Amino acid sequence: MDYDVDTVGDAAAAAAFRRLVRHLQHRTDAQNVDLMGLAGFCRNCLGDWLAEAAGLSREEGRGLVYGQDYASWKAAHQREATPEQLARMAESVARNP
């Protein structure tokens, strides 16, 4: 079997993307700095990638991912990052292509 993600149909890829976005909207406890520390990307990255692919502004792309404007989400859900979280994030992001 070919495990190249580019072989997945657009409908399936879109459904998986929407499920990921809904999951992230529900899991407000998953902080962006922790996502960055583990995987080297966060909600902002996903919104920016969506904006680039869809010809939207960064604000529009992030709004679609957050389900609201970023500033409102940040005020309601984002906690201050610890030095340890920031260090993990920096190490993780350094491994990105």
N, C-alpha and C. Protein backbone atom coordinates (compact mmCIF):
# COMPACT_ATOMS: atom_id res chain seq x y z
N MET A 1 0.83 -1.18 0.00
CA MET A 1 0.00 0.00 0.00
C MET A 1 0.87 1.24 0.00
N ASP A 2 0.43 2.25 -0.72
CA ASP A 2 1.13 3.53 -0.80
C ASP A 2 0.66 4.42 0.35
N TYR A 3 1.57 4.84 1.21
CA TYR A 3 1.23 5.67 2.35
C TYR A 3 1.57 7.14 2.13
N ASP A 4 1.51 7.57 0.91
CA ASP A 4 1.75 8.97 0.56
C ASP A 4 0.46 9.76 0.77
N VAL A 5 0.48 10.74 1.64
CA VAL A 5 -0.73 11.51 1.96
C VAL A 5 -1.33 12.18 0.72
N ASP A 6 -0.52 12.44 -0.27
CA ASP A 6 -1.03 13.07 -1.49
C ASP A 6 -1.95 12.14 -2.29
N THR A 7 -1.99 10.85 -1.93
CA THR A 7 -2.88 9.93 -2.63
C THR A 7 -4.29 9.91 -2.04
N VAL A 8 -4.48 10.57 -0.91
CA VAL A 8 -5.80 10.63 -0.27
C VAL A 8 -6.66 11.63 -1.04
N GLY A 9 -7.89 11.27 -1.29
CA GLY A 9 -8.80 12.15 -2.01
C GLY A 9 -9.08 13.44 -1.24
N ASP A 10 -9.43 14.48 -1.98
CA ASP A 10 -9.68 15.77 -1.36
C ASP A 10 -10.83 15.73 -0.36
N ALA A 11 -11.87 14.96 -0.64
CA ALA A 11 -13.01 14.90 0.28
C ALA A 11 -12.60 14.29 1.62
N ALA A 12 -11.82 13.22 1.57
CA ALA A 12 -11.36 12.58 2.81
C ALA A 12 -10.41 13.50 3.57
N ALA A 13 -9.50 14.14 2.84
CA ALA A 13 -8.56 15.06 3.48
C ALA A 13 -9.29 16.23 4.12
N ALA A 14 -10.29 16.76 3.43
CA ALA A 14 -11.07 17.87 3.98
C ALA A 14 -11.84 17.44 5.22
N ALA A 15 -12.40 16.23 5.21
CA ALA A 15 -13.13 15.74 6.37
C ALA A 15 -12.20 15.58 7.58
N ALA A 16 -11.01 15.06 7.34
CA ALA A 16 -10.04 14.89 8.42
C ALA A 16 -9.60 16.26 8.95
N PHE A 17 -9.37 17.21 8.06
CA PHE A 17 -8.99 18.56 8.47
C PHE A 17 -10.07 19.19 9.33
N ARG A 18 -11.32 19.08 8.90
CA ARG A 18 -12.42 19.66 9.67
C ARG A 18 -12.54 19.00 11.04
N ARG A 19 -12.32 17.70 11.09
CA ARG A 19 -12.37 16.99 12.37
C ARG A 19 -11.25 17.47 13.29
N LEU A 20 -10.06 17.66 12.74
CA LEU A 20 -8.94 18.19 13.53
C LEU A 20 -9.28 19.57 14.06
N VAL A 21 -9.81 20.44 13.23
CA VAL A 21 -10.15 21.80 13.66
C VAL A 21 -11.21 21.76 14.76
N ARG A 22 -12.26 20.95 14.59
CA ARG A 22 -13.29 20.85 15.63
C ARG A 22 -12.69 20.32 16.93
N HIS A 23 -11.79 19.36 16.82
CA HIS A 23 -11.12 18.81 18.01
C HIS A 23 -10.33 19.90 18.73
N LEU A 24 -9.57 20.68 17.99
CA LEU A 24 -8.79 21.75 18.60
C LEU A 24 -9.68 22.85 19.18
N GLN A 25 -10.81 23.12 18.54
CA GLN A 25 -11.75 24.10 19.10
C GLN A 25 -12.31 23.61 20.43
N HIS A 26 -12.57 22.33 20.53
CA HIS A 26 -13.11 21.74 21.76
C HIS A 26 -12.04 21.68 22.86
N ARG A 27 -10.81 21.36 22.49
CA ARG A 27 -9.74 21.16 23.47
C ARG A 27 -8.98 22.46 23.72
N THR A 28 -9.69 23.42 24.29
CA THR A 28 -9.06 24.71 24.61
C THR A 28 -7.98 24.56 25.68
N ASP A 29 -7.99 23.43 26.41
CA ASP A 29 -6.95 23.18 27.40
C ASP A 29 -5.60 22.86 26.77
N ALA A 30 -5.61 22.44 25.52
CA ALA A 30 -4.35 22.17 24.80
C ALA A 30 -3.78 23.51 24.36
N GLN A 31 -2.79 23.97 25.08
CA GLN A 31 -2.21 25.27 24.81
C GLN A 31 -1.35 25.24 23.55
N ASN A 32 -1.34 26.35 22.81
CA ASN A 32 -0.54 26.43 21.59
C ASN A 32 0.93 26.16 21.86
N VAL A 33 1.45 26.68 22.96
CA VAL A 33 2.87 26.48 23.26
C VAL A 33 3.16 25.00 23.47
N ASP A 34 2.21 24.26 24.03
CA ASP A 34 2.41 22.81 24.20
C ASP A 34 2.34 22.09 22.86
N LEU A 35 1.41 22.48 22.00
CA LEU A 35 1.35 21.90 20.65
C LEU A 35 2.66 22.16 19.91
N MET A 36 3.17 23.38 20.03
CA MET A 36 4.44 23.71 19.38
C MET A 36 5.57 22.87 19.96
N GLY A 37 5.55 22.68 21.27
CA GLY A 37 6.61 21.91 21.93
C GLY A 37 6.60 20.44 21.54
N LEU A 38 5.42 19.90 21.25
CA LEU A 38 5.31 18.50 20.88
C LEU A 38 5.44 18.26 19.38
N ALA A 39 4.81 19.12 18.60
CA ALA A 39 4.70 18.84 17.17
C ALA A 39 5.28 19.92 16.26
N GLY A 40 5.68 21.04 16.82
CA GLY A 40 6.27 22.10 16.00
C GLY A 40 5.26 22.90 15.21
N PHE A 41 3.96 22.77 15.56
CA PHE A 41 2.94 23.61 14.95
C PHE A 41 1.81 23.80 15.96
N CYS A 42 0.99 24.81 15.73
CA CYS A 42 -0.12 25.09 16.63
C CYS A 42 -1.32 25.59 15.82
N ARG A 43 -2.33 26.04 16.52
CA ARG A 43 -3.53 26.55 15.86
C ARG A 43 -3.20 27.71 14.92
N ASN A 44 -2.30 28.58 15.35
CA ASN A 44 -1.92 29.71 14.48
C ASN A 44 -1.31 29.22 13.18
N CYS A 45 -0.43 28.24 13.28
CA CYS A 45 0.19 27.68 12.08
C CYS A 45 -0.88 27.11 11.15
N LEU A 46 -1.78 26.31 11.74
CA LEU A 46 -2.84 25.69 10.94
C LEU A 46 -3.70 26.76 10.26
N GLY A 47 -4.04 27.81 10.99
CA GLY A 47 -4.81 28.91 10.41
C GLY A 47 -4.05 29.62 9.31
N ASP A 48 -2.76 29.81 9.51
CA ASP A 48 -1.94 30.46 8.49
C ASP A 48 -1.83 29.59 7.24
N TRP A 49 -1.68 28.27 7.42
CA TRP A 49 -1.62 27.36 6.27
C TRP A 49 -2.95 27.37 5.52
N LEU A 50 -4.05 27.39 6.26
CA LEU A 50 -5.36 27.45 5.63
C LEU A 50 -5.52 28.75 4.86
N ALA A 51 -5.12 29.85 5.46
CA ALA A 51 -5.22 31.14 4.79
C ALA A 51 -4.42 31.15 3.49
N GLU A 52 -3.21 30.63 3.54
CA GLU A 52 -2.36 30.58 2.35
C GLU A 52 -3.00 29.73 1.25
N ALA A 53 -3.51 28.57 1.63
CA ALA A 53 -4.11 27.67 0.64
C ALA A 53 -5.41 28.20 0.05
N ALA A 54 -6.16 28.95 0.86
CA ALA A 54 -7.48 29.42 0.43
C ALA A 54 -7.49 30.86 -0.06
N GLY A 55 -6.33 31.52 -0.03
CA GLY A 55 -6.28 32.92 -0.46
C GLY A 55 -6.97 33.86 0.51
N LEU A 56 -6.89 33.54 1.80
CA LEU A 56 -7.51 34.36 2.84
C LEU A 56 -6.43 35.15 3.58
N SER A 57 -6.85 36.10 4.38
CA SER A 57 -5.91 36.79 5.26
C SER A 57 -5.56 35.87 6.43
N ARG A 58 -4.46 36.16 7.10
CA ARG A 58 -4.08 35.37 8.27
C ARG A 58 -5.18 35.43 9.32
N GLU A 59 -5.76 36.60 9.51
CA GLU A 59 -6.84 36.76 10.49
C GLU A 59 -8.03 35.87 10.15
N GLU A 60 -8.40 35.82 8.88
CA GLU A 60 -9.52 34.97 8.45
C GLU A 60 -9.20 33.48 8.66
N GLY A 61 -8.00 33.07 8.28
CA GLY A 61 -7.60 31.68 8.44
C GLY A 61 -7.59 31.26 9.90
N ARG A 62 -7.04 32.12 10.74
CA ARG A 62 -7.01 31.80 12.17
C ARG A 62 -8.42 31.79 12.75
N GLY A 63 -9.25 32.71 12.33
CA GLY A 63 -10.63 32.74 12.81
C GLY A 63 -11.36 31.46 12.49
N LEU A 64 -11.11 30.89 11.32
CA LEU A 64 -11.74 29.62 10.96
C LEU A 64 -11.25 28.49 11.86
N VAL A 65 -9.98 28.51 12.20
CA VAL A 65 -9.43 27.46 13.05
C VAL A 65 -9.90 27.62 14.50
N TYR A 66 -9.91 28.85 15.00
CA TYR A 66 -10.31 29.09 16.38
C TYR A 66 -11.83 29.09 16.56
N GLY A 67 -12.57 29.32 15.50
CA GLY A 67 -14.03 29.43 15.61
C GLY A 67 -14.46 30.78 16.13
N GLN A 68 -13.53 31.70 16.20
CA GLN A 68 -13.76 33.08 16.65
C GLN A 68 -12.49 33.85 16.36
N ASP A 69 -12.50 35.15 16.58
CA ASP A 69 -11.27 35.88 16.32
C ASP A 69 -10.22 35.48 17.35
N TYR A 70 -8.97 35.50 16.91
CA TYR A 70 -7.86 35.02 17.72
C TYR A 70 -7.76 35.77 19.04
N ALA A 71 -7.92 37.08 19.02
CA ALA A 71 -7.79 37.87 20.25
C ALA A 71 -8.79 37.43 21.31
N SER A 72 -10.02 37.13 20.91
CA SER A 72 -11.04 36.67 21.86
C SER A 72 -10.67 35.31 22.43
N TRP A 73 -10.22 34.39 21.56
CA TRP A 73 -9.82 33.07 22.04
C TRP A 73 -8.65 33.19 23.01
N LYS A 74 -7.68 33.99 22.63
CA LYS A 74 -6.48 34.16 23.46
C LYS A 74 -6.85 34.70 24.84
N ALA A 75 -7.72 35.70 24.88
CA ALA A 75 -8.12 36.28 26.15
C ALA A 75 -8.86 35.27 27.03
N ALA A 76 -9.63 34.40 26.42
CA ALA A 76 -10.43 33.44 27.17
C ALA A 76 -9.67 32.17 27.56
N HIS A 77 -8.69 31.76 26.77
CA HIS A 77 -8.13 30.41 26.95
C HIS A 77 -6.61 30.32 27.10
N GLN A 78 -5.87 31.31 26.64
CA GLN A 78 -4.42 31.16 26.64
C GLN A 78 -3.82 31.58 27.97
N ARG A 79 -3.01 30.69 28.52
CA ARG A 79 -2.31 30.98 29.76
C ARG A 79 -0.88 31.44 29.45
N GLU A 80 -0.26 32.07 30.41
CA GLU A 80 1.13 32.51 30.28
C GLU A 80 2.02 31.27 30.14
N ALA A 81 2.90 31.29 29.17
CA ALA A 81 3.81 30.16 28.95
C ALA A 81 4.91 30.17 30.00
N THR A 82 5.27 28.97 30.45
CA THR A 82 6.37 28.83 31.40
C THR A 82 7.70 28.81 30.64
N PRO A 83 8.79 29.08 31.32
CA PRO A 83 10.10 28.97 30.67
C PRO A 83 10.34 27.57 30.10
N GLU A 84 9.86 26.53 30.79
CA GLU A 84 10.03 25.16 30.31
C GLU A 84 9.25 24.94 29.01
N GLN A 85 8.03 25.44 28.95
CA GLN A 85 7.23 25.30 27.73
C GLN A 85 7.90 26.01 26.57
N LEU A 86 8.41 27.20 26.82
CA LEU A 86 9.08 27.97 25.77
C LEU A 86 10.34 27.27 25.28
N ALA A 87 11.08 26.64 26.20
CA ALA A 87 12.29 25.91 25.81
C ALA A 87 11.94 24.70 24.95
N ARG A 88 10.89 23.94 25.35
CA ARG A 88 10.45 22.79 24.54
C ARG A 88 10.01 23.24 23.16
N MET A 89 9.29 24.36 23.12
CA MET A 89 8.81 24.88 21.84
C MET A 89 10.00 25.24 20.94
N ALA A 90 10.97 25.93 21.47
CA ALA A 90 12.14 26.34 20.67
C ALA A 90 12.88 25.12 20.14
N GLU A 91 13.04 24.11 20.99
CA GLU A 91 13.72 22.87 20.55
C GLU A 91 12.92 22.16 19.46
N SER A 92 11.62 22.10 19.63
CA SER A 92 10.76 21.42 18.66
C SER A 92 10.74 22.15 17.32
N VAL A 93 10.57 23.46 17.37
CA VAL A 93 10.49 24.25 16.14
C VAL A 93 11.80 24.18 15.37
N ALA A 94 12.90 24.04 16.06
CA ALA A 94 14.21 23.94 15.40
C ALA A 94 14.29 22.69 14.53
N ARG A 95 13.45 21.69 14.80
CA ARG A 95 13.46 20.46 13.99
C ARG A 95 12.55 20.54 12.78
N ASN A 96 11.77 21.61 12.65
CA ASN A 96 10.85 21.75 11.50
C ASN A 96 11.63 21.88 10.20
N PRO A 97 11.03 21.38 9.11
CA PRO A 97 11.71 21.52 7.81
C PRO A 97 11.73 22.97 7.35
